[in-house]
Amino acid sequence: MAATHLWVNVDGSDDPGYRYRMPRAEVCVERRGTLLKNCGEIAKALHRPPQYLAKFCGLLLGCHAEFDEEQRAAVIRGDHLPATVHGLVRKFIDGWVLCARCRLPETRLEVGRSKVTFDCKACGARRGASAEHKLTAFIVSVCRRARTPNWQTGAELDMRDARPAASLLQGSVKWVSKRRAHSVGSAADRQPRAMAL
């Protein structure tokens, strides 16, 4: 079990009774670039895929960043100060995790054809992400590649059967389609049923 000083409040407050906590970002500079060592744990606490956090850091720093599945760390090209990376994690939380109205991290992403909408489960607020932000385009493209039209929030994916892009969707993301929703099941379940007279 981790010590309590290694955990911080998601909203950045010092309230000891705050419910939403996450691990403090561990940043180090290596030969490959700057590493956010615990990106996977941070993303899990924020209910977002770790690839989104890594991509966000790369976009704001203007460099290439990727999530290393083996080390569960974000690799950001170049030498960056730990304070800079901590600031980027805070910006990601403020813009892509916390609700704009109630400031709680209870938002779920709903991904449409070309837009991302935040749906707060605490207060019911809905707002759209900026369509001009490159992270929005990244999220939409990832969801399209995964081709999961009715993927529900929190559903566990069997990674032996799923496409590689589907691993990016682990978190609280829901694909929204304009077509009528079809139930996921066997082909026999999807056949129209005859009505009994």
N, C-alpha and C. Protein backbone atom coordinates (compact mmCIF):
# COMPACT_ATOMS: atom_id res chain seq x y z
N MET A 1 0.83 -1.17 0.00
CA MET A 1 0.00 0.00 0.00
C MET A 1 0.88 1.24 0.00
N ALA A 2 0.53 2.21 -0.84
CA ALA A 2 1.33 3.41 -0.99
C ALA A 2 1.13 4.35 0.20
N ALA A 3 2.15 5.11 0.48
CA ALA A 3 2.05 6.09 1.55
C ALA A 3 1.11 7.21 1.13
N THR A 4 0.48 7.85 2.10
CA THR A 4 -0.52 8.86 1.78
C THR A 4 0.09 10.11 1.16
N HIS A 5 1.37 10.40 1.41
CA HIS A 5 1.97 11.60 0.84
C HIS A 5 2.24 11.44 -0.66
N LEU A 6 2.12 10.24 -1.18
CA LEU A 6 2.32 10.02 -2.61
C LEU A 6 1.02 10.19 -3.40
N TRP A 7 -0.07 10.44 -2.71
CA TRP A 7 -1.37 10.63 -3.36
C TRP A 7 -1.80 12.08 -3.19
N VAL A 8 -2.40 12.63 -4.24
CA VAL A 8 -2.86 14.02 -4.21
C VAL A 8 -4.33 14.05 -4.63
N ASN A 9 -5.00 15.15 -4.29
CA ASN A 9 -6.38 15.33 -4.70
C ASN A 9 -6.45 15.64 -6.19
N VAL A 10 -7.43 15.11 -6.87
CA VAL A 10 -7.57 15.30 -8.30
C VAL A 10 -7.77 16.78 -8.65
N ASP A 11 -8.52 17.51 -7.83
CA ASP A 11 -8.79 18.91 -8.13
C ASP A 11 -7.66 19.84 -7.69
N GLY A 12 -6.61 19.32 -7.08
CA GLY A 12 -5.47 20.12 -6.67
C GLY A 12 -5.62 20.75 -5.30
N SER A 13 -6.71 20.50 -4.60
CA SER A 13 -6.92 21.09 -3.28
C SER A 13 -6.10 20.34 -2.22
N ASP A 14 -6.07 20.94 -1.02
CA ASP A 14 -5.36 20.32 0.10
C ASP A 14 -6.31 19.68 1.10
N ASP A 15 -7.55 19.50 0.73
CA ASP A 15 -8.57 18.95 1.63
C ASP A 15 -8.24 17.49 1.94
N PRO A 16 -8.01 17.14 3.22
CA PRO A 16 -7.67 15.75 3.54
C PRO A 16 -8.85 14.80 3.40
N GLY A 17 -10.07 15.31 3.37
CA GLY A 17 -11.24 14.45 3.25
C GLY A 17 -11.79 14.36 1.84
N TYR A 18 -11.05 14.90 0.87
CA TYR A 18 -11.52 14.88 -0.51
C TYR A 18 -11.56 13.45 -1.03
N ARG A 19 -12.63 13.11 -1.69
CA ARG A 19 -12.88 11.72 -2.10
C ARG A 19 -12.03 11.26 -3.27
N TYR A 20 -11.78 12.13 -4.24
CA TYR A 20 -11.11 11.73 -5.49
C TYR A 20 -9.62 12.00 -5.38
N ARG A 21 -8.85 10.91 -5.41
CA ARG A 21 -7.41 11.02 -5.26
C ARG A 21 -6.72 10.31 -6.41
N MET A 22 -5.49 10.70 -6.65
CA MET A 22 -4.68 10.09 -7.70
C MET A 22 -3.23 10.07 -7.24
N PRO A 23 -2.41 9.20 -7.83
CA PRO A 23 -1.00 9.19 -7.46
C PRO A 23 -0.30 10.46 -7.95
N ARG A 24 0.67 10.92 -7.20
CA ARG A 24 1.48 12.08 -7.61
C ARG A 24 2.31 11.66 -8.82
N ALA A 25 2.43 12.54 -9.79
CA ALA A 25 3.17 12.23 -11.02
C ALA A 25 4.65 12.03 -10.72
N GLU A 26 5.20 10.93 -11.22
CA GLU A 26 6.62 10.63 -11.08
C GLU A 26 7.29 10.88 -12.42
N VAL A 27 8.14 11.89 -12.48
CA VAL A 27 8.78 12.31 -13.73
C VAL A 27 10.28 12.15 -13.61
N CYS A 28 10.88 11.58 -14.65
CA CYS A 28 12.34 11.49 -14.70
C CYS A 28 12.80 11.64 -16.14
N VAL A 29 14.03 12.08 -16.30
CA VAL A 29 14.60 12.27 -17.63
C VAL A 29 15.56 11.12 -17.89
N GLU A 30 15.35 10.42 -19.00
CA GLU A 30 16.22 9.32 -19.40
C GLU A 30 16.75 9.58 -20.80
N ARG A 31 17.47 8.62 -21.31
CA ARG A 31 18.06 8.75 -22.64
C ARG A 31 16.98 8.90 -23.72
N ARG A 32 15.85 8.19 -23.55
CA ARG A 32 14.78 8.23 -24.55
C ARG A 32 14.00 9.53 -24.52
N GLY A 33 14.07 10.25 -23.43
CA GLY A 33 13.31 11.47 -23.26
C GLY A 33 12.80 11.56 -21.84
N THR A 34 11.77 12.34 -21.65
CA THR A 34 11.18 12.51 -20.33
C THR A 34 10.13 11.43 -20.12
N LEU A 35 10.18 10.77 -18.98
CA LEU A 35 9.23 9.70 -18.67
C LEU A 35 8.27 10.14 -17.58
N LEU A 36 6.99 9.95 -17.84
CA LEU A 36 5.97 10.06 -16.81
C LEU A 36 5.74 8.63 -16.37
N LYS A 37 6.48 8.20 -15.33
CA LYS A 37 6.57 6.79 -14.95
C LYS A 37 5.24 6.14 -14.60
N ASN A 38 4.38 6.86 -13.93
CA ASN A 38 3.12 6.26 -13.46
C ASN A 38 1.92 6.79 -14.25
N CYS A 39 2.08 6.98 -15.52
CA CYS A 39 0.99 7.47 -16.38
C CYS A 39 -0.20 6.52 -16.34
N GLY A 40 0.05 5.22 -16.33
CA GLY A 40 -1.03 4.24 -16.30
C GLY A 40 -1.86 4.34 -15.04
N GLU A 41 -1.20 4.53 -13.89
CA GLU A 41 -1.92 4.63 -12.63
C GLU A 41 -2.70 5.95 -12.53
N ILE A 42 -2.09 7.03 -13.03
CA ILE A 42 -2.78 8.32 -13.03
C ILE A 42 -4.03 8.24 -13.89
N ALA A 43 -3.88 7.69 -15.09
CA ALA A 43 -5.02 7.59 -16.01
C ALA A 43 -6.12 6.70 -15.44
N LYS A 44 -5.74 5.64 -14.75
CA LYS A 44 -6.74 4.77 -14.13
C LYS A 44 -7.51 5.51 -13.05
N ALA A 45 -6.83 6.33 -12.25
CA ALA A 45 -7.50 7.11 -11.21
C ALA A 45 -8.41 8.18 -11.82
N LEU A 46 -8.07 8.67 -13.01
CA LEU A 46 -8.87 9.71 -13.67
C LEU A 46 -9.95 9.12 -14.57
N HIS A 47 -9.97 7.81 -14.74
CA HIS A 47 -10.92 7.12 -15.61
C HIS A 47 -10.79 7.59 -17.06
N ARG A 48 -9.56 7.68 -17.52
CA ARG A 48 -9.27 8.02 -18.91
C ARG A 48 -8.20 7.06 -19.41
N PRO A 49 -8.20 6.76 -20.70
CA PRO A 49 -7.12 5.92 -21.25
C PRO A 49 -5.78 6.64 -21.12
N PRO A 50 -4.71 5.93 -20.78
CA PRO A 50 -3.41 6.59 -20.61
C PRO A 50 -2.87 7.20 -21.90
N GLN A 51 -3.31 6.70 -23.04
CA GLN A 51 -2.86 7.25 -24.31
C GLN A 51 -3.32 8.69 -24.47
N TYR A 52 -4.48 9.03 -23.92
CA TYR A 52 -4.99 10.40 -24.01
C TYR A 52 -4.09 11.37 -23.25
N LEU A 53 -3.66 10.97 -22.06
CA LEU A 53 -2.78 11.82 -21.26
C LEU A 53 -1.43 11.99 -21.95
N ALA A 54 -0.88 10.92 -22.48
CA ALA A 54 0.41 11.00 -23.17
C ALA A 54 0.31 11.89 -24.40
N LYS A 55 -0.74 11.72 -25.19
CA LYS A 55 -0.92 12.52 -26.39
C LYS A 55 -1.11 14.00 -26.04
N PHE A 56 -1.87 14.28 -24.98
CA PHE A 56 -2.10 15.65 -24.53
C PHE A 56 -0.78 16.33 -24.18
N CYS A 57 0.08 15.63 -23.45
CA CYS A 57 1.39 16.19 -23.09
C CYS A 57 2.22 16.49 -24.33
N GLY A 58 2.21 15.57 -25.28
CA GLY A 58 2.96 15.79 -26.50
C GLY A 58 2.43 16.95 -27.32
N LEU A 59 1.12 17.09 -27.39
CA LEU A 59 0.52 18.19 -28.15
C LEU A 59 0.87 19.54 -27.55
N LEU A 60 0.81 19.66 -26.24
CA LEU A 60 1.09 20.96 -25.62
C LEU A 60 2.58 21.30 -25.61
N LEU A 61 3.42 20.29 -25.60
CA LEU A 61 4.86 20.55 -25.64
C LEU A 61 5.39 20.65 -27.07
N GLY A 62 4.58 20.27 -28.05
CA GLY A 62 5.00 20.34 -29.45
C GLY A 62 6.03 19.28 -29.80
N CYS A 63 5.90 18.11 -29.21
CA CYS A 63 6.83 17.02 -29.49
C CYS A 63 6.06 15.71 -29.53
N HIS A 64 6.76 14.67 -29.89
CA HIS A 64 6.13 13.35 -29.96
C HIS A 64 6.06 12.74 -28.56
N ALA A 65 4.92 12.19 -28.25
CA ALA A 65 4.74 11.49 -26.97
C ALA A 65 3.91 10.25 -27.22
N GLU A 66 4.23 9.19 -26.53
CA GLU A 66 3.50 7.94 -26.69
C GLU A 66 3.44 7.21 -25.36
N PHE A 67 2.50 6.31 -25.26
CA PHE A 67 2.36 5.50 -24.05
C PHE A 67 3.03 4.16 -24.29
N ASP A 68 3.96 3.81 -23.43
CA ASP A 68 4.67 2.54 -23.51
C ASP A 68 3.90 1.52 -22.68
N GLU A 69 3.24 0.57 -23.36
CA GLU A 69 2.42 -0.44 -22.67
C GLU A 69 3.25 -1.32 -21.75
N GLU A 70 4.49 -1.61 -22.13
CA GLU A 70 5.32 -2.50 -21.35
C GLU A 70 5.70 -1.89 -20.00
N GLN A 71 6.10 -0.62 -20.01
CA GLN A 71 6.50 0.05 -18.77
C GLN A 71 5.35 0.77 -18.10
N ARG A 72 4.20 0.88 -18.79
CA ARG A 72 3.04 1.64 -18.30
C ARG A 72 3.43 3.08 -18.01
N ALA A 73 4.26 3.66 -18.90
CA ALA A 73 4.75 5.02 -18.73
C ALA A 73 4.57 5.80 -20.02
N ALA A 74 4.44 7.11 -19.90
CA ALA A 74 4.39 7.98 -21.07
C ALA A 74 5.81 8.41 -21.39
N VAL A 75 6.20 8.29 -22.64
CA VAL A 75 7.52 8.70 -23.09
C VAL A 75 7.34 9.97 -23.90
N ILE A 76 7.89 11.06 -23.40
CA ILE A 76 7.79 12.37 -24.06
C ILE A 76 9.17 12.70 -24.59
N ARG A 77 9.30 12.90 -25.88
CA ARG A 77 10.60 13.18 -26.49
C ARG A 77 11.12 14.53 -26.03
N GLY A 78 12.40 14.58 -25.70
CA GLY A 78 13.03 15.82 -25.25
C GLY A 78 13.18 15.84 -23.74
N ASP A 79 13.99 16.79 -23.28
CA ASP A 79 14.22 16.96 -21.85
C ASP A 79 13.29 18.06 -21.35
N HIS A 80 12.39 17.69 -20.45
CA HIS A 80 11.43 18.64 -19.91
C HIS A 80 11.50 18.60 -18.39
N LEU A 81 11.34 19.74 -17.79
CA LEU A 81 11.38 19.83 -16.32
C LEU A 81 10.19 19.11 -15.71
N PRO A 82 10.39 18.48 -14.55
CA PRO A 82 9.26 17.83 -13.87
C PRO A 82 8.11 18.79 -13.58
N ALA A 83 8.42 20.04 -13.25
CA ALA A 83 7.36 21.02 -12.97
C ALA A 83 6.51 21.27 -14.22
N THR A 84 7.14 21.23 -15.39
CA THR A 84 6.40 21.41 -16.64
C THR A 84 5.43 20.25 -16.86
N VAL A 85 5.88 19.03 -16.63
CA VAL A 85 5.03 17.86 -16.82
C VAL A 85 3.91 17.84 -15.78
N HIS A 86 4.22 18.24 -14.54
CA HIS A 86 3.17 18.33 -13.51
C HIS A 86 2.10 19.34 -13.93
N GLY A 87 2.53 20.46 -14.51
CA GLY A 87 1.58 21.46 -15.00
C GLY A 87 0.71 20.93 -16.12
N LEU A 88 1.29 20.09 -16.99
CA LEU A 88 0.52 19.50 -18.09
C LEU A 88 -0.52 18.52 -17.57
N VAL A 89 -0.16 17.74 -16.57
CA VAL A 89 -1.12 16.81 -15.96
C VAL A 89 -2.28 17.60 -15.35
N ARG A 90 -1.96 18.71 -14.68
CA ARG A 90 -3.00 19.56 -14.09
C ARG A 90 -3.91 20.14 -15.18
N LYS A 91 -3.33 20.59 -16.31
CA LYS A 91 -4.14 21.13 -17.41
C LYS A 91 -5.03 20.06 -18.02
N PHE A 92 -4.52 18.83 -18.14
CA PHE A 92 -5.32 17.73 -18.66
C PHE A 92 -6.51 17.48 -17.74
N ILE A 93 -6.27 17.48 -16.45
CA ILE A 93 -7.35 17.25 -15.49
C ILE A 93 -8.39 18.36 -15.58
N ASP A 94 -7.93 19.61 -15.63
CA ASP A 94 -8.86 20.75 -15.68
C ASP A 94 -9.69 20.75 -16.96
N GLY A 95 -9.10 20.40 -18.08
CA GLY A 95 -9.80 20.49 -19.35
C GLY A 95 -10.51 19.23 -19.80
N TRP A 96 -10.02 18.05 -19.37
CA TRP A 96 -10.53 16.80 -19.93
C TRP A 96 -11.07 15.82 -18.90
N VAL A 97 -11.07 16.20 -17.61
CA VAL A 97 -11.57 15.28 -16.58
C VAL A 97 -12.63 15.95 -15.70
N LEU A 98 -12.33 17.13 -15.17
CA LEU A 98 -13.25 17.79 -14.25
C LEU A 98 -14.44 18.39 -14.97
N CYS A 99 -15.61 18.32 -14.33
CA CYS A 99 -16.82 18.95 -14.85
C CYS A 99 -16.66 20.47 -14.74
N ALA A 100 -17.09 21.19 -15.76
CA ALA A 100 -16.97 22.65 -15.76
C ALA A 100 -17.90 23.29 -14.73
N ARG A 101 -19.02 22.65 -14.43
CA ARG A 101 -19.99 23.23 -13.50
C ARG A 101 -19.69 22.87 -12.05
N CYS A 102 -19.60 21.58 -11.73
CA CYS A 102 -19.46 21.17 -10.33
C CYS A 102 -18.02 20.88 -9.92
N ARG A 103 -17.07 20.85 -10.87
CA ARG A 103 -15.65 20.62 -10.62
C ARG A 103 -15.36 19.25 -9.99
N LEU A 104 -16.20 18.26 -10.29
CA LEU A 104 -15.96 16.89 -9.83
C LEU A 104 -15.49 16.05 -11.01
N PRO A 105 -14.64 15.06 -10.79
CA PRO A 105 -14.14 14.21 -11.88
C PRO A 105 -15.10 13.07 -12.20
N GLU A 106 -16.37 13.37 -12.38
CA GLU A 106 -17.39 12.37 -12.66
C GLU A 106 -17.83 12.41 -14.12
N THR A 107 -17.02 12.96 -15.00
CA THR A 107 -17.41 13.08 -16.41
C THR A 107 -17.11 11.80 -17.17
N ARG A 108 -17.95 11.53 -18.14
CA ARG A 108 -17.74 10.43 -19.08
C ARG A 108 -17.69 11.04 -20.48
N LEU A 109 -16.85 10.49 -21.32
CA LEU A 109 -16.73 11.00 -22.68
C LEU A 109 -17.71 10.26 -23.58
N GLU A 110 -18.42 11.01 -24.41
CA GLU A 110 -19.25 10.43 -25.45
C GLU A 110 -18.67 10.91 -26.77
N VAL A 111 -18.29 9.96 -27.60
CA VAL A 111 -17.61 10.27 -28.85
C VAL A 111 -18.57 10.10 -30.00
N GLY A 112 -18.77 11.15 -30.79
CA GLY A 112 -19.60 11.09 -31.98
C GLY A 112 -18.72 11.00 -33.21
N ARG A 113 -19.29 11.30 -34.37
CA ARG A 113 -18.52 11.21 -35.61
C ARG A 113 -17.36 12.18 -35.65
N SER A 114 -17.58 13.39 -35.16
CA SER A 114 -16.50 14.38 -35.20
C SER A 114 -16.45 15.22 -33.95
N LYS A 115 -17.09 14.79 -32.88
CA LYS A 115 -17.08 15.59 -31.66
C LYS A 115 -17.00 14.70 -30.42
N VAL A 116 -16.57 15.33 -29.35
CA VAL A 116 -16.47 14.68 -28.06
C VAL A 116 -17.30 15.50 -27.09
N THR A 117 -18.18 14.82 -26.34
CA THR A 117 -19.04 15.48 -25.38
C THR A 117 -18.75 14.94 -23.99
N PHE A 118 -18.70 15.84 -23.01
CA PHE A 118 -18.51 15.45 -21.62
C PHE A 118 -19.88 15.38 -20.96
N ASP A 119 -20.17 14.27 -20.32
CA ASP A 119 -21.43 14.07 -19.62
C ASP A 119 -21.10 13.84 -18.15
N CYS A 120 -21.48 14.80 -17.30
CA CYS A 120 -21.19 14.70 -15.87
C CYS A 120 -22.24 13.84 -15.20
N LYS A 121 -21.81 12.80 -14.51
CA LYS A 121 -22.73 11.91 -13.81
C LYS A 121 -23.11 12.46 -12.44
N ALA A 122 -22.42 13.48 -11.95
CA ALA A 122 -22.73 14.05 -10.65
C ALA A 122 -23.84 15.11 -10.74
N CYS A 123 -23.69 16.06 -11.68
CA CYS A 123 -24.65 17.16 -11.74
C CYS A 123 -25.49 17.15 -13.01
N GLY A 124 -25.18 16.30 -13.97
CA GLY A 124 -25.97 16.20 -15.19
C GLY A 124 -25.57 17.18 -16.28
N ALA A 125 -24.54 17.96 -16.06
CA ALA A 125 -24.11 18.94 -17.07
C ALA A 125 -23.53 18.23 -18.29
N ARG A 126 -23.75 18.81 -19.45
CA ARG A 126 -23.18 18.30 -20.70
C ARG A 126 -22.51 19.45 -21.42
N ARG A 127 -21.30 19.20 -21.90
CA ARG A 127 -20.61 20.21 -22.70
C ARG A 127 -19.75 19.51 -23.72
N GLY A 128 -19.51 20.19 -24.80
CA GLY A 128 -18.70 19.63 -25.86
C GLY A 128 -17.25 20.07 -25.74
N ALA A 129 -16.35 19.21 -26.15
CA ALA A 129 -14.93 19.58 -26.19
C ALA A 129 -14.70 20.43 -27.43
N SER A 130 -13.70 21.24 -27.38
CA SER A 130 -13.37 22.10 -28.51
C SER A 130 -13.03 21.23 -29.73
N ALA A 131 -13.73 21.47 -30.81
CA ALA A 131 -13.48 20.70 -32.04
C ALA A 131 -12.13 21.07 -32.65
N GLU A 132 -11.58 22.21 -32.26
CA GLU A 132 -10.30 22.66 -32.80
C GLU A 132 -9.11 22.02 -32.08
N HIS A 133 -9.34 21.44 -30.92
CA HIS A 133 -8.25 20.83 -30.17
C HIS A 133 -7.84 19.53 -30.85
N LYS A 134 -6.56 19.33 -30.99
CA LYS A 134 -6.07 18.14 -31.69
C LYS A 134 -6.33 16.86 -30.90
N LEU A 135 -6.49 16.96 -29.60
CA LEU A 135 -6.81 15.77 -28.81
C LEU A 135 -8.20 15.26 -29.15
N THR A 136 -9.11 16.17 -29.49
CA THR A 136 -10.45 15.76 -29.92
C THR A 136 -10.36 14.91 -31.18
N ALA A 137 -9.59 15.36 -32.14
CA ALA A 137 -9.40 14.60 -33.38
C ALA A 137 -8.76 13.24 -33.09
N PHE A 138 -7.81 13.20 -32.17
CA PHE A 138 -7.16 11.95 -31.80
C PHE A 138 -8.16 10.97 -31.18
N ILE A 139 -8.99 11.45 -30.26
CA ILE A 139 -9.97 10.59 -29.60
C ILE A 139 -10.97 10.04 -30.60
N VAL A 140 -11.45 10.91 -31.50
CA VAL A 140 -12.41 10.47 -32.52
C VAL A 140 -11.79 9.44 -33.44
N SER A 141 -10.54 9.66 -33.85
CA SER A 141 -9.90 8.70 -34.76
C SER A 141 -9.64 7.36 -34.07
N VAL A 142 -9.29 7.38 -32.79
CA VAL A 142 -9.08 6.13 -32.05
C VAL A 142 -10.37 5.34 -31.96
N CYS A 143 -11.47 6.04 -31.67
CA CYS A 143 -12.75 5.35 -31.56
C CYS A 143 -13.21 4.80 -32.91
N ARG A 144 -12.93 5.52 -33.96
CA ARG A 144 -13.29 5.01 -35.29
C ARG A 144 -12.49 3.77 -35.64
N ARG A 145 -11.19 3.78 -35.31
CA ARG A 145 -10.36 2.62 -35.60
C ARG A 145 -10.80 1.41 -34.81
N ALA A 146 -11.30 1.63 -33.60
CA ALA A 146 -11.72 0.51 -32.77
C ALA A 146 -13.03 -0.10 -33.27
N ARG A 147 -13.81 0.70 -34.00
CA ARG A 147 -15.08 0.24 -34.58
C ARG A 147 -15.95 -0.44 -33.53
N THR A 148 -16.21 0.26 -32.48
CA THR A 148 -17.06 -0.26 -31.42
C THR A 148 -18.27 0.65 -31.28
N PRO A 149 -19.30 0.50 -32.10
CA PRO A 149 -20.40 1.45 -32.12
C PRO A 149 -21.24 1.49 -30.85
N ASN A 150 -21.28 0.45 -30.09
CA ASN A 150 -22.12 0.45 -28.90
C ASN A 150 -21.32 0.08 -27.65
N TRP A 151 -20.10 0.51 -27.62
CA TRP A 151 -19.24 0.19 -26.49
C TRP A 151 -19.71 0.98 -25.29
N GLN A 152 -20.02 0.31 -24.20
CA GLN A 152 -20.58 0.96 -23.03
C GLN A 152 -19.48 1.28 -22.02
N THR A 153 -19.71 2.27 -21.23
CA THR A 153 -18.78 2.72 -20.22
C THR A 153 -18.50 1.61 -19.22
N GLY A 154 -17.23 1.41 -18.94
CA GLY A 154 -16.85 0.46 -17.91
C GLY A 154 -16.86 -1.00 -18.35
N ALA A 155 -17.22 -1.29 -19.59
CA ALA A 155 -17.26 -2.68 -20.05
C ALA A 155 -15.83 -3.19 -20.18
N GLU A 156 -15.62 -4.38 -19.73
CA GLU A 156 -14.31 -4.98 -19.84
C GLU A 156 -14.16 -5.62 -21.21
N LEU A 157 -13.05 -5.36 -21.86
CA LEU A 157 -12.79 -5.92 -23.16
C LEU A 157 -11.87 -7.13 -23.01
N ASP A 158 -12.16 -8.18 -23.75
CA ASP A 158 -11.27 -9.33 -23.80
C ASP A 158 -10.22 -9.02 -24.85
N MET A 159 -9.02 -8.70 -24.43
CA MET A 159 -8.01 -8.21 -25.35
C MET A 159 -7.51 -9.30 -26.30
N ARG A 160 -7.83 -10.55 -26.06
CA ARG A 160 -7.45 -11.60 -27.01
C ARG A 160 -8.31 -11.52 -28.25
N ASP A 161 -9.55 -11.03 -28.12
CA ASP A 161 -10.46 -10.96 -29.24
C ASP A 161 -10.57 -9.55 -29.83
N ALA A 162 -10.19 -8.53 -29.06
CA ALA A 162 -10.39 -7.16 -29.51
C ALA A 162 -9.26 -6.72 -30.44
N ARG A 163 -9.55 -5.73 -31.24
CA ARG A 163 -8.53 -5.14 -32.10
C ARG A 163 -7.56 -4.35 -31.24
N PRO A 164 -6.32 -4.10 -31.72
CA PRO A 164 -5.37 -3.34 -30.90
C PRO A 164 -5.87 -1.94 -30.55
N ALA A 165 -6.59 -1.30 -31.45
CA ALA A 165 -7.07 0.05 -31.15
C ALA A 165 -8.11 0.05 -30.04
N ALA A 166 -8.76 -1.06 -29.80
CA ALA A 166 -9.77 -1.11 -28.74
C ALA A 166 -9.13 -0.97 -27.37
N SER A 167 -7.84 -1.26 -27.24
CA SER A 167 -7.19 -1.11 -25.94
C SER A 167 -7.12 0.36 -25.53
N LEU A 168 -7.19 1.28 -26.49
CA LEU A 168 -7.18 2.70 -26.16
C LEU A 168 -8.48 3.13 -25.51
N LEU A 169 -9.53 2.36 -25.66
CA LEU A 169 -10.84 2.75 -25.17
C LEU A 169 -11.10 2.32 -23.74
N GLN A 170 -10.14 1.71 -23.08
CA GLN A 170 -10.36 1.31 -21.71
C GLN A 170 -10.45 2.56 -20.86
N GLY A 171 -11.56 2.78 -20.25
CA GLY A 171 -11.80 3.98 -19.48
C GLY A 171 -13.27 4.32 -19.57
N SER A 172 -13.57 5.56 -19.48
CA SER A 172 -14.96 5.95 -19.49
C SER A 172 -15.28 6.67 -20.79
N VAL A 173 -15.29 5.93 -21.88
CA VAL A 173 -15.58 6.47 -23.19
C VAL A 173 -16.73 5.69 -23.78
N LYS A 174 -17.65 6.38 -24.40
CA LYS A 174 -18.79 5.72 -25.03
C LYS A 174 -18.89 6.23 -26.46
N TRP A 175 -18.99 5.33 -27.40
CA TRP A 175 -19.14 5.69 -28.80
C TRP A 175 -20.62 5.91 -29.07
N VAL A 176 -20.94 7.07 -29.62
CA VAL A 176 -22.33 7.42 -29.91
C VAL A 176 -22.52 7.42 -31.41
N SER A 177 -23.53 6.73 -31.86
CA SER A 177 -23.82 6.62 -33.29
C SER A 177 -25.20 7.18 -33.56
N LYS A 178 -25.39 7.77 -34.75
CA LYS A 178 -26.70 8.29 -35.10
C LYS A 178 -27.65 7.19 -35.52
N ARG A 179 -27.12 6.04 -35.87
CA ARG A 179 -27.96 4.91 -36.24
C ARG A 179 -28.65 4.35 -35.00
N ARG A 180 -29.68 3.58 -35.23
CA ARG A 180 -30.38 2.92 -34.12
C ARG A 180 -29.44 1.93 -33.46
N ALA A 181 -29.40 1.94 -32.16
CA ALA A 181 -28.50 1.07 -31.42
C ALA A 181 -28.94 -0.38 -31.56
N HIS A 182 -27.99 -1.25 -31.80
CA HIS A 182 -28.26 -2.69 -31.88
C HIS A 182 -27.67 -3.34 -30.65
N SER A 183 -28.33 -4.34 -30.17
CA SER A 183 -27.81 -5.04 -29.01
C SER A 183 -26.63 -5.89 -29.42
N VAL A 184 -25.70 -6.01 -28.51
CA VAL A 184 -24.52 -6.83 -28.77
C VAL A 184 -24.85 -8.23 -28.28
N GLY A 185 -24.71 -9.20 -29.13
CA GLY A 185 -25.01 -10.59 -28.78
C GLY A 185 -24.78 -11.48 -29.98
N SER A 186 -25.33 -12.66 -29.95
CA SER A 186 -25.15 -13.58 -31.07
C SER A 186 -26.03 -13.16 -32.24
N ALA A 187 -25.77 -13.72 -33.40
CA ALA A 187 -26.54 -13.38 -34.59
C ALA A 187 -28.00 -13.78 -34.43
N ALA A 188 -28.26 -14.86 -33.69
CA ALA A 188 -29.65 -15.28 -33.47
C ALA A 188 -30.41 -14.26 -32.64
N ASP A 189 -29.71 -13.59 -31.72
CA ASP A 189 -30.36 -12.56 -30.91
C ASP A 189 -30.73 -11.33 -31.73
N ARG A 190 -29.98 -11.07 -32.81
CA ARG A 190 -30.22 -9.87 -33.60
C ARG A 190 -31.26 -10.07 -34.68
N GLN A 191 -31.72 -11.29 -34.92
CA GLN A 191 -32.73 -11.55 -35.95
C GLN A 191 -34.07 -11.03 -35.47
N PRO A 192 -34.88 -10.48 -36.39
CA PRO A 192 -36.19 -10.02 -35.97
C PRO A 192 -37.04 -11.22 -35.53
N ARG A 193 -37.78 -11.01 -34.48
CA ARG A 193 -38.59 -12.08 -33.93
C ARG A 193 -40.01 -11.96 -34.46
N ALA A 194 -40.61 -13.10 -34.77
CA ALA A 194 -42.00 -13.12 -35.24
C ALA A 194 -42.93 -12.90 -34.05
N MET A 195 -43.95 -12.16 -34.27
CA MET A 195 -44.90 -11.89 -33.19
C MET A 195 -45.93 -13.02 -33.12
N ALA A 196 -46.23 -13.45 -31.93
CA ALA A 196 -47.22 -14.51 -31.74
C ALA A 196 -48.62 -13.91 -31.84
N LEU A 197 -49.50 -14.60 -32.52
CA LEU A 197 -50.88 -14.12 -32.65
C LEU A 197 -51.77 -14.69 -31.61
